[in-house]
All heavy atoms as atom14 arrays in JSON, in Angstrom:
{
  "sequence": "VLSTGSTNYADSVKGRFTISRDNVKNTLYLQMNSLKPEDTAVYYCN",
  "atom14_mask": [
    [1, 1, 1, 1, 1, 1, 1, 0, 0, 0, 0, 0, 0, 0],
    [1, 1, 1, 1, 1, 1, 1, 1, 0, 0, 0, 0, 0, 0],
    [1, 1, 1, 1, 1, 1, 0, 0, 0, 0, 0, 0, 0, 0],
    [1, 1, 1, 1, 1, 1, 1, 0, 0, 0, 0, 0, 0, 0],
    [1, 1, 1, 1, 0, 0, 0, 0, 0, 0, 0, 0, 0, 0],
    [1, 1, 1, 1, 1, 1, 0, 0, 0, 0, 0, 0, 0, 0],
    [1, 1, 1, 1, 1, 1, 1, 0, 0, 0, 0, 0, 0, 0],
    [1, 1, 1, 1, 1, 1, 1, 1, 0, 0, 0, 0, 0, 0],
    [1, 1, 1, 1, 1, 1, 1, 1, 1, 1, 1, 1, 0, 0],
    [1, 1, 1, 1, 1, 0, 0, 0, 0, 0, 0, 0, 0, 0],
    [1, 1, 1, 1, 1, 1, 1, 1, 0, 0, 0, 0, 0, 0],
    [1, 1, 1, 1, 1, 1, 0, 0, 0, 0, 0, 0, 0, 0],
    [1, 1, 1, 1, 1, 1, 1, 0, 0, 0, 0, 0, 0, 0],
    [1, 1, 1, 1, 1, 1, 1, 1, 1, 0, 0, 0, 0, 0],
    [1, 1, 1, 1, 0, 0, 0, 0, 0, 0, 0, 0, 0, 0],
    [1, 1, 1, 1, 1, 1, 1, 1, 1, 1, 1, 0, 0, 0],
    [1, 1, 1, 1, 1, 1, 1, 1, 1, 1, 1, 0, 0, 0],
    [1, 1, 1, 1, 1, 1, 1, 0, 0, 0, 0, 0, 0, 0],
    [1, 1, 1, 1, 1, 1, 1, 1, 0, 0, 0, 0, 0, 0],
    [1, 1, 1, 1, 1, 1, 0, 0, 0, 0, 0, 0, 0, 0],
    [1, 1, 1, 1, 1, 1, 1, 1, 1, 1, 1, 0, 0, 0],
    [1, 1, 1, 1, 1, 1, 1, 1, 0, 0, 0, 0, 0, 0],
    [1, 1, 1, 1, 1, 1, 1, 1, 0, 0, 0, 0, 0, 0],
    [1, 1, 1, 1, 1, 1, 1, 0, 0, 0, 0, 0, 0, 0],
    [1, 1, 1, 1, 1, 1, 1, 1, 1, 0, 0, 0, 0, 0],
    [1, 1, 1, 1, 1, 1, 1, 1, 0, 0, 0, 0, 0, 0],
    [1, 1, 1, 1, 1, 1, 1, 0, 0, 0, 0, 0, 0, 0],
    [1, 1, 1, 1, 1, 1, 1, 1, 0, 0, 0, 0, 0, 0],
    [1, 1, 1, 1, 1, 1, 1, 1, 1, 1, 1, 1, 0, 0],
    [1, 1, 1, 1, 1, 1, 1, 1, 0, 0, 0, 0, 0, 0],
    [1, 1, 1, 1, 1, 1, 1, 1, 1, 0, 0, 0, 0, 0],
    [1, 1, 1, 1, 1, 1, 1, 1, 0, 0, 0, 0, 0, 0],
    [1, 1, 1, 1, 1, 1, 1, 1, 0, 0, 0, 0, 0, 0],
    [1, 1, 1, 1, 1, 1, 0, 0, 0, 0, 0, 0, 0, 0],
    [1, 1, 1, 1, 1, 1, 1, 1, 0, 0, 0, 0, 0, 0],
    [1, 1, 1, 1, 1, 1, 1, 1, 1, 0, 0, 0, 0, 0],
    [1, 1, 1, 1, 1, 1, 1, 0, 0, 0, 0, 0, 0, 0],
    [1, 1, 1, 1, 1, 1, 1, 1, 1, 0, 0, 0, 0, 0],
    [1, 1, 1, 1, 1, 1, 1, 1, 0, 0, 0, 0, 0, 0],
    [1, 1, 1, 1, 1, 1, 1, 0, 0, 0, 0, 0, 0, 0],
    [1, 1, 1, 1, 1, 0, 0, 0, 0, 0, 0, 0, 0, 0],
    [1, 1, 1, 1, 1, 1, 1, 0, 0, 0, 0, 0, 0, 0],
    [1, 1, 1, 1, 1, 1, 1, 1, 1, 1, 1, 1, 0, 0],
    [1, 1, 1, 1, 1, 1, 1, 1, 1, 1, 1, 1, 0, 0],
    [1, 1, 1, 1, 1, 1, 0, 0, 0, 0, 0, 0, 0, 0],
    [1, 1, 1, 1, 1, 1, 1, 1, 0, 0, 0, 0, 0, 0]
  ],
  "atom14_positions": [
    [[27.28, -42.31, -19.03], [26.69, -42.79, -17.79], [25.83, -43.94, -18.04], [25.04, -43.98, -19.02], [25.89, -41.62, -17.09], [24.78, -41.11, -17.95], [25.36, -42.14, -15.73], [0.0, 0.0, 0.0], [0.0, 0.0, 0.0], [0.0, 0.0, 0.0], [0.0, 0.0, 0.0], [0.0, 0.0, 0.0], [0.0, 0.0, 0.0], [0.0, 0.0, 0.0]],
    [[26.02, -45.03, -17.26], [25.2, -46.19, -17.42], [23.98, -46.16, -16.53], [23.87, -45.31, -15.65], [26.04, -47.46, -17.04], [27.37, -47.67, -17.85], [28.04, -48.89, -17.37], [27.1, -47.66, -19.29], [0.0, 0.0, 0.0], [0.0, 0.0, 0.0], [0.0, 0.0, 0.0], [0.0, 0.0, 0.0], [0.0, 0.0, 0.0], [0.0, 0.0, 0.0]],
    [[23.06, -47.07, -16.77], [21.85, -47.15, -15.93], [22.15, -47.38, -14.47], [21.35, -47.07, -13.6], [20.88, -48.15, -16.52], [21.51, -49.42, -16.56], [0.0, 0.0, 0.0], [0.0, 0.0, 0.0], [0.0, 0.0, 0.0], [0.0, 0.0, 0.0], [0.0, 0.0, 0.0], [0.0, 0.0, 0.0], [0.0, 0.0, 0.0], [0.0, 0.0, 0.0]],
    [[23.31, -47.97, -14.23], [23.74, -48.24, -12.83], [24.24, -46.98, -12.16], [24.42, -47.0, -10.96], [24.88, -49.29, -12.86], [25.96, -48.73, -13.62], [24.43, -50.57, -13.42], [0.0, 0.0, 0.0], [0.0, 0.0, 0.0], [0.0, 0.0, 0.0], [0.0, 0.0, 0.0], [0.0, 0.0, 0.0], [0.0, 0.0, 0.0], [0.0, 0.0, 0.0]],
    [[24.45, -45.94, -12.93], [25.04, -44.72, -12.41], [26.52, -44.61, -12.6], [27.12, -43.58, -12.33], [0.0, 0.0, 0.0], [0.0, 0.0, 0.0], [0.0, 0.0, 0.0], [0.0, 0.0, 0.0], [0.0, 0.0, 0.0], [0.0, 0.0, 0.0], [0.0, 0.0, 0.0], [0.0, 0.0, 0.0], [0.0, 0.0, 0.0], [0.0, 0.0, 0.0]],
    [[27.07, -45.67, -13.06], [28.57, -45.61, -13.38], [28.9, -44.6, -14.44], [28.19, -44.53, -15.49], [29.01, -47.05, -13.81], [30.33, -47.03, -14.25], [0.0, 0.0, 0.0], [0.0, 0.0, 0.0], [0.0, 0.0, 0.0], [0.0, 0.0, 0.0], [0.0, 0.0, 0.0], [0.0, 0.0, 0.0], [0.0, 0.0, 0.0], [0.0, 0.0, 0.0]],
    [[29.95, -43.84, -14.27], [30.36, -42.83, -15.23], [31.74, -43.06, -15.68], [32.61, -43.66, -14.96], [30.2, -41.44, -14.59], [31.0, -41.33, -13.46], [28.78, -41.14, -14.25], [0.0, 0.0, 0.0], [0.0, 0.0, 0.0], [0.0, 0.0, 0.0], [0.0, 0.0, 0.0], [0.0, 0.0, 0.0], [0.0, 0.0, 0.0], [0.0, 0.0, 0.0]],
    [[32.08, -42.55, -16.82], [33.42, -42.52, -17.32], [33.61, -41.32, -18.25], [32.7, -40.84, -18.83], [33.7, -43.82, -18.13], [35.22, -44.08, -18.27], [36.03, -43.47, -17.59], [35.55, -44.97, -19.16], [0.0, 0.0, 0.0], [0.0, 0.0, 0.0], [0.0, 0.0, 0.0], [0.0, 0.0, 0.0], [0.0, 0.0, 0.0], [0.0, 0.0, 0.0]],
    [[34.9, -40.86, -18.29], [35.08, -39.58, -19.0], [36.39, -39.69, -19.92], [37.3, -40.49, -19.58], [35.35, -38.46, -18.01], [34.18, -38.27, -17.12], [34.11, -38.91, -15.96], [33.13, -37.35, -17.43], [32.97, -38.72, -15.05], [32.1, -37.14, -16.62], [32.02, -37.86, -15.4], [30.93, -37.67, -14.6], [0.0, 0.0, 0.0], [0.0, 0.0, 0.0]],
    [[36.36, -38.91, -20.93], [37.57, -38.8, -21.74], [38.65, -38.13, -20.86], [38.29, -37.3, -20.01], [37.3, -37.99, -23.0], [0.0, 0.0, 0.0], [0.0, 0.0, 0.0], [0.0, 0.0, 0.0], [0.0, 0.0, 0.0], [0.0, 0.0, 0.0], [0.0, 0.0, 0.0], [0.0, 0.0, 0.0], [0.0, 0.0, 0.0], [0.0, 0.0, 0.0]],
    [[39.89, -38.47, -21.08], [40.98, -37.93, -20.28], [40.96, -36.38, -20.29], [41.31, -35.71, -19.35], [42.31, -38.44, -20.79], [42.53, -39.89, -20.42], [41.81, -40.41, -19.53], [43.38, -40.5, -21.04], [0.0, 0.0, 0.0], [0.0, 0.0, 0.0], [0.0, 0.0, 0.0], [0.0, 0.0, 0.0], [0.0, 0.0, 0.0], [0.0, 0.0, 0.0]],
    [[40.57, -35.8, -21.42], [40.66, -34.36, -21.6], [39.68, -33.59, -20.76], [39.86, -32.4, -20.53], [40.4, -33.96, -23.07], [39.15, -34.49, -23.47], [0.0, 0.0, 0.0], [0.0, 0.0, 0.0], [0.0, 0.0, 0.0], [0.0, 0.0, 0.0], [0.0, 0.0, 0.0], [0.0, 0.0, 0.0], [0.0, 0.0, 0.0], [0.0, 0.0, 0.0]],
    [[38.62, -34.3, -20.22], [37.6, -33.59, -19.34], [37.54, -34.18, -18.02], [36.8, -33.66, -17.16], [36.25, -33.65, -20.09], [36.32, -33.11, -21.49], [35.69, -35.05, -20.05], [0.0, 0.0, 0.0], [0.0, 0.0, 0.0], [0.0, 0.0, 0.0], [0.0, 0.0, 0.0], [0.0, 0.0, 0.0], [0.0, 0.0, 0.0], [0.0, 0.0, 0.0]],
    [[38.29, -35.25, -17.73], [38.2, -35.89, -16.46], [38.54, -34.88, -15.32], [39.55, -34.15, -15.37], [39.16, -37.08, -16.39], [38.9, -38.1, -15.36], [39.7, -39.38, -15.6], [39.29, -40.07, -16.83], [39.99, -41.34, -17.03], [0.0, 0.0, 0.0], [0.0, 0.0, 0.0], [0.0, 0.0, 0.0], [0.0, 0.0, 0.0], [0.0, 0.0, 0.0]],
    [[37.7, -34.89, -14.29], [37.9, -34.03, -13.18], [37.26, -32.66, -13.35], [37.21, -31.85, -12.4], [0.0, 0.0, 0.0], [0.0, 0.0, 0.0], [0.0, 0.0, 0.0], [0.0, 0.0, 0.0], [0.0, 0.0, 0.0], [0.0, 0.0, 0.0], [0.0, 0.0, 0.0], [0.0, 0.0, 0.0], [0.0, 0.0, 0.0], [0.0, 0.0, 0.0]],
    [[36.83, -32.36, -14.56], [36.15, -31.02, -14.78], [34.72, -31.2, -15.19], [33.89, -30.3, -14.86], [36.94, -30.29, -15.92], [38.39, -30.03, -15.65], [39.01, -29.15, -16.72], [39.04, -29.78, -18.04], [38.36, -29.27, -19.08], [37.71, -28.15, -18.98], [38.41, -29.94, -20.26], [0.0, 0.0, 0.0], [0.0, 0.0, 0.0], [0.0, 0.0, 0.0]],
    [[34.37, -32.23, -15.86], [32.98, -32.48, -16.29], [32.32, -33.56, -15.47], [32.96, -34.52, -15.0], [32.98, -32.92, -17.76], [33.35, -31.88, -18.76], [33.94, -30.66, -18.37], [33.13, -32.04, -20.13], [34.26, -29.67, -19.31], [33.48, -31.1, -21.07], [34.09, -29.93, -20.66], [0.0, 0.0, 0.0], [0.0, 0.0, 0.0], [0.0, 0.0, 0.0]],
    [[30.99, -33.43, -15.31], [30.18, -34.44, -14.59], [28.95, -34.76, -15.39], [28.16, -33.86, -15.72], [29.82, -33.96, -13.21], [30.96, -33.59, -12.47], [29.03, -35.03, -12.5], [0.0, 0.0, 0.0], [0.0, 0.0, 0.0], [0.0, 0.0, 0.0], [0.0, 0.0, 0.0], [0.0, 0.0, 0.0], [0.0, 0.0, 0.0], [0.0, 0.0, 0.0]],
    [[28.81, -35.99, -15.77], [27.6, -36.41, -16.52], [26.59, -37.07, -15.49], [26.95, -37.73, -14.54], [28.0, -37.45, -17.58], [26.77, -37.78, -18.51], [28.6, -38.72, -16.99], [27.14, -38.63, -19.71], [0.0, 0.0, 0.0], [0.0, 0.0, 0.0], [0.0, 0.0, 0.0], [0.0, 0.0, 0.0], [0.0, 0.0, 0.0], [0.0, 0.0, 0.0]],
    [[25.31, -36.83, -15.8], [24.28, -37.41, -14.97], [23.06, -37.62, -15.84], [22.93, -37.02, -16.9], [23.95, -36.55, -13.79], [23.49, -35.28, -14.15], [0.0, 0.0, 0.0], [0.0, 0.0, 0.0], [0.0, 0.0, 0.0], [0.0, 0.0, 0.0], [0.0, 0.0, 0.0], [0.0, 0.0, 0.0], [0.0, 0.0, 0.0], [0.0, 0.0, 0.0]],
    [[22.14, -38.43, -15.29], [20.91, -38.67, -16.08], [19.72, -38.68, -15.09], [19.83, -39.1, -13.97], [20.99, -39.99, -16.79], [21.2, -41.21, -15.93], [21.56, -42.42, -16.74], [20.47, -42.97, -17.52], [20.59, -44.0, -18.36], [21.77, -44.56, -18.56], [19.52, -44.49, -18.99], [0.0, 0.0, 0.0], [0.0, 0.0, 0.0], [0.0, 0.0, 0.0]],
    [[18.56, -38.24, -15.63], [17.3, -38.27, -14.89], [16.33, -39.13, -15.71], [15.76, -38.63, -16.67], [16.79, -36.85, -14.66], [15.58, -36.84, -13.75], [14.76, -37.79, -13.76], [15.4, -35.85, -13.03], [0.0, 0.0, 0.0], [0.0, 0.0, 0.0], [0.0, 0.0, 0.0], [0.0, 0.0, 0.0], [0.0, 0.0, 0.0], [0.0, 0.0, 0.0]],
    [[16.17, -40.35, -15.33], [15.32, -41.27, -16.07], [13.84, -40.92, -15.95], [13.03, -41.47, -16.74], [15.53, -42.7, -15.6], [16.9, -43.21, -15.93], [17.5, -42.78, -16.89], [17.43, -44.18, -15.16], [0.0, 0.0, 0.0], [0.0, 0.0, 0.0], [0.0, 0.0, 0.0], [0.0, 0.0, 0.0], [0.0, 0.0, 0.0], [0.0, 0.0, 0.0]],
    [[13.45, -40.12, -15.0], [12.05, -39.73, -14.85], [11.76, -38.57, -15.83], [10.74, -38.57, -16.52], [11.73, -39.24, -13.41], [10.32, -38.69, -13.31], [11.92, -40.44, -12.44], [0.0, 0.0, 0.0], [0.0, 0.0, 0.0], [0.0, 0.0, 0.0], [0.0, 0.0, 0.0], [0.0, 0.0, 0.0], [0.0, 0.0, 0.0], [0.0, 0.0, 0.0]],
    [[12.75, -37.64, -15.92], [12.53, -36.56, -16.84], [13.07, -36.86, -18.25], [12.98, -36.0, -19.13], [13.28, -35.3, -16.3], [12.69, -34.76, -15.04], [13.41, -33.49, -14.58], [12.83, -32.93, -13.32], [13.56, -31.71, -12.85], [0.0, 0.0, 0.0], [0.0, 0.0, 0.0], [0.0, 0.0, 0.0], [0.0, 0.0, 0.0], [0.0, 0.0, 0.0]],
    [[13.66, -38.09, -18.4], [14.19, -38.44, -19.72], [15.24, -37.4, -20.18], [15.23, -37.04, -21.33], [13.15, -38.66, -20.72], [12.18, -39.79, -20.35], [12.66, -40.85, -19.86], [10.92, -39.58, -20.55], [0.0, 0.0, 0.0], [0.0, 0.0, 0.0], [0.0, 0.0, 0.0], [0.0, 0.0, 0.0], [0.0, 0.0, 0.0], [0.0, 0.0, 0.0]],
    [[16.11, -37.02, -19.29], [17.05, -35.99, -19.58], [18.46, -36.34, -19.18], [18.67, -36.98, -18.08], [16.63, -34.65, -18.96], [15.36, -34.27, -19.36], [17.6, -33.52, -19.24], [0.0, 0.0, 0.0], [0.0, 0.0, 0.0], [0.0, 0.0, 0.0], [0.0, 0.0, 0.0], [0.0, 0.0, 0.0], [0.0, 0.0, 0.0], [0.0, 0.0, 0.0]],
    [[19.39, -35.99, -19.98], [20.81, -36.2, -19.71], [21.45, -34.89, -19.49], [21.08, -33.88, -20.15], [21.5, -36.91, -20.92], [22.9, -37.33, -20.8], [23.05, -38.52, -19.86], [23.43, -37.74, -22.21], [0.0, 0.0, 0.0], [0.0, 0.0, 0.0], [0.0, 0.0, 0.0], [0.0, 0.0, 0.0], [0.0, 0.0, 0.0], [0.0, 0.0, 0.0]],
    [[22.43, -34.78, -18.56], [23.07, -33.52, -18.22], [24.58, -33.65, -18.33], [25.12, -34.79, -18.18], [22.71, -33.14, -16.8], [21.28, -32.93, -16.51], [20.55, -33.95, -15.89], [20.58, -31.78, -16.9], [19.2, -33.82, -15.64], [19.25, -31.65, -16.62], [18.55, -32.66, -15.99], [17.18, -32.51, -15.77], [0.0, 0.0, 0.0], [0.0, 0.0, 0.0]],
    [[25.19, -32.51, -18.55], [26.69, -32.47, -18.51], [27.05, -31.16, -17.81], [26.84, -30.07, -18.37], [27.24, -32.54, -19.89], [28.8, -32.61, -19.94], [29.28, -33.95, -19.37], [29.34, -32.43, -21.34], [0.0, 0.0, 0.0], [0.0, 0.0, 0.0], [0.0, 0.0, 0.0], [0.0, 0.0, 0.0], [0.0, 0.0, 0.0], [0.0, 0.0, 0.0]],
    [[27.56, -31.28, -16.59], [28.03, -30.12, -15.86], [29.51, -29.92, -16.24], [30.29, -30.85, -16.07], [27.89, -30.39, -14.38], [28.59, -29.32, -13.49], [27.89, -27.96, -13.55], [26.65, -27.89, -13.56], [28.64, -26.89, -13.68], [0.0, 0.0, 0.0], [0.0, 0.0, 0.0], [0.0, 0.0, 0.0], [0.0, 0.0, 0.0], [0.0, 0.0, 0.0]],
    [[29.8, -28.73, -16.77], [31.17, -28.48, -17.21], [31.79, -27.38, -16.43], [31.2, -26.23, -16.47], [31.14, -28.17, -18.7], [30.44, -29.16, -19.59], [30.58, -28.85, -21.35], [29.64, -27.28, -21.44], [0.0, 0.0, 0.0], [0.0, 0.0, 0.0], [0.0, 0.0, 0.0], [0.0, 0.0, 0.0], [0.0, 0.0, 0.0], [0.0, 0.0, 0.0]],
    [[32.81, -27.67, -15.71], [33.48, -26.68, -14.89], [34.93, -26.39, -15.49], [35.43, -27.21, -16.2], [33.59, -27.15, -13.46], [32.28, -27.33, -12.79], [31.35, -26.64, -13.09], [32.18, -28.3, -11.91], [0.0, 0.0, 0.0], [0.0, 0.0, 0.0], [0.0, 0.0, 0.0], [0.0, 0.0, 0.0], [0.0, 0.0, 0.0], [0.0, 0.0, 0.0]],
    [[35.5, -25.29, -15.01], [36.87, -24.95, -15.47], [37.02, -25.11, -16.94], [37.96, -25.75, -17.43], [37.87, -25.89, -14.68], [37.7, -25.75, -13.3], [0.0, 0.0, 0.0], [0.0, 0.0, 0.0], [0.0, 0.0, 0.0], [0.0, 0.0, 0.0], [0.0, 0.0, 0.0], [0.0, 0.0, 0.0], [0.0, 0.0, 0.0], [0.0, 0.0, 0.0]],
    [[36.13, -24.52, -17.69], [36.16, -24.64, -19.14], [37.4, -24.04, -19.75], [37.97, -23.03, -19.24], [34.91, -24.0, -19.73], [33.65, -24.92, -19.6], [32.38, -24.09, -19.79], [33.69, -26.08, -20.59], [0.0, 0.0, 0.0], [0.0, 0.0, 0.0], [0.0, 0.0, 0.0], [0.0, 0.0, 0.0], [0.0, 0.0, 0.0], [0.0, 0.0, 0.0]],
    [[37.87, -24.69, -20.76], [39.09, -24.27, -21.5], [38.72, -23.94, -22.98], [37.76, -24.51, -23.45], [40.13, -25.39, -21.47], [40.5, -25.85, -20.1], [41.48, -27.02, -20.18], [41.91, -27.52, -18.8], [42.82, -28.64, -18.91], [0.0, 0.0, 0.0], [0.0, 0.0, 0.0], [0.0, 0.0, 0.0], [0.0, 0.0, 0.0], [0.0, 0.0, 0.0]],
    [[39.52, -23.14, -23.61], [39.27, -22.83, -24.99], [39.18, -24.09, -25.88], [38.41, -24.16, -26.82], [40.45, -21.98, -25.41], [40.89, -21.25, -24.17], [40.6, -22.29, -23.08], [0.0, 0.0, 0.0], [0.0, 0.0, 0.0], [0.0, 0.0, 0.0], [0.0, 0.0, 0.0], [0.0, 0.0, 0.0], [0.0, 0.0, 0.0], [0.0, 0.0, 0.0]],
    [[39.93, -25.12, -25.52], [39.89, -26.37, -26.28], [38.6, -27.2, -26.09], [38.37, -28.18, -26.73], [41.09, -27.29, -26.01], [41.33, -27.49, -24.53], [42.39, -26.56, -23.97], [42.36, -25.31, -24.26], [43.25, -26.99, -23.17], [0.0, 0.0, 0.0], [0.0, 0.0, 0.0], [0.0, 0.0, 0.0], [0.0, 0.0, 0.0], [0.0, 0.0, 0.0]],
    [[37.75, -26.69, -25.14], [36.41, -27.32, -25.02], [35.45, -26.77, -25.99], [34.31, -27.3, -26.08], [35.93, -27.13, -23.62], [36.68, -27.84, -22.54], [37.16, -28.98, -22.75], [37.01, -27.19, -21.44], [0.0, 0.0, 0.0], [0.0, 0.0, 0.0], [0.0, 0.0, 0.0], [0.0, 0.0, 0.0], [0.0, 0.0, 0.0], [0.0, 0.0, 0.0]],
    [[35.83, -25.78, -26.73], [34.88, -25.21, -27.76], [34.54, -26.21, -28.74], [35.39, -26.86, -29.42], [35.61, -24.01, -28.39], [35.83, -22.94, -27.44], [34.74, -23.39, -29.57], [0.0, 0.0, 0.0], [0.0, 0.0, 0.0], [0.0, 0.0, 0.0], [0.0, 0.0, 0.0], [0.0, 0.0, 0.0], [0.0, 0.0, 0.0], [0.0, 0.0, 0.0]],
    [[33.28, -26.43, -28.97], [32.75, -27.42, -29.88], [31.22, -27.42, -29.87], [30.61, -26.7, -29.05], [33.22, -28.84, -29.48], [0.0, 0.0, 0.0], [0.0, 0.0, 0.0], [0.0, 0.0, 0.0], [0.0, 0.0, 0.0], [0.0, 0.0, 0.0], [0.0, 0.0, 0.0], [0.0, 0.0, 0.0], [0.0, 0.0, 0.0], [0.0, 0.0, 0.0]],
    [[30.64, -28.19, -30.79], [29.16, -28.46, -30.72], [29.02, -29.78, -29.92], [29.69, -30.77, -30.28], [28.55, -28.58, -32.09], [27.08, -28.9, -31.99], [28.73, -27.27, -32.9], [0.0, 0.0, 0.0], [0.0, 0.0, 0.0], [0.0, 0.0, 0.0], [0.0, 0.0, 0.0], [0.0, 0.0, 0.0], [0.0, 0.0, 0.0], [0.0, 0.0, 0.0]],
    [[28.2, -29.74, -28.89], [28.0, -30.9, -28.05], [26.69, -31.55, -28.38], [25.64, -30.93, -28.55], [28.01, -30.45, -26.58], [29.43, -30.15, -26.08], [30.08, -28.98, -26.51], [30.08, -30.99, -25.19], [31.34, -28.69, -26.06], [31.36, -30.7, -24.72], [31.99, -29.57, -25.2], [33.24, -29.26, -24.75], [0.0, 0.0, 0.0], [0.0, 0.0, 0.0]],
    [[26.77, -32.93, -28.44], [25.65, -33.76, -28.76], [25.45, -34.85, -27.73], [26.45, -35.22, -27.05], [25.88, -34.46, -30.12], [26.13, -33.58, -31.28], [27.39, -33.11, -31.57], [25.09, -33.15, -32.12], [27.67, -32.33, -32.67], [25.37, -32.38, -33.25], [26.61, -31.95, -33.49], [26.86, -31.13, -34.58], [0.0, 0.0, 0.0], [0.0, 0.0, 0.0]],
    [[24.3, -35.39, -27.63], [24.06, -36.57, -26.8], [23.57, -37.68, -27.69], [23.03, -37.49, -28.8], [23.1, -36.29, -25.67], [21.45, -35.86, -26.28], [0.0, 0.0, 0.0], [0.0, 0.0, 0.0], [0.0, 0.0, 0.0], [0.0, 0.0, 0.0], [0.0, 0.0, 0.0], [0.0, 0.0, 0.0], [0.0, 0.0, 0.0], [0.0, 0.0, 0.0]],
    [[23.71, -38.94, -27.17], [23.23, -40.08, -27.84], [23.42, -41.27, -26.94], [23.97, -41.14, -25.83], [23.92, -40.32, -29.25], [23.01, -40.95, -30.24], [22.33, -41.92, -29.95], [23.04, -40.38, -31.44], [0.0, 0.0, 0.0], [0.0, 0.0, 0.0], [0.0, 0.0, 0.0], [0.0, 0.0, 0.0], [0.0, 0.0, 0.0], [0.0, 0.0, 0.0]]
  ]
}
């Protein structure tokens, strides 16, 4: 997610995941829906 609010996703999660940011709380979010076994992983932000 860019500071403009523009978002982009890997093809494997497009339509299921939503990224957002709260610049006041200094927090990044990832809403993950319709999870699949292949989504199993350790998730990091940067």
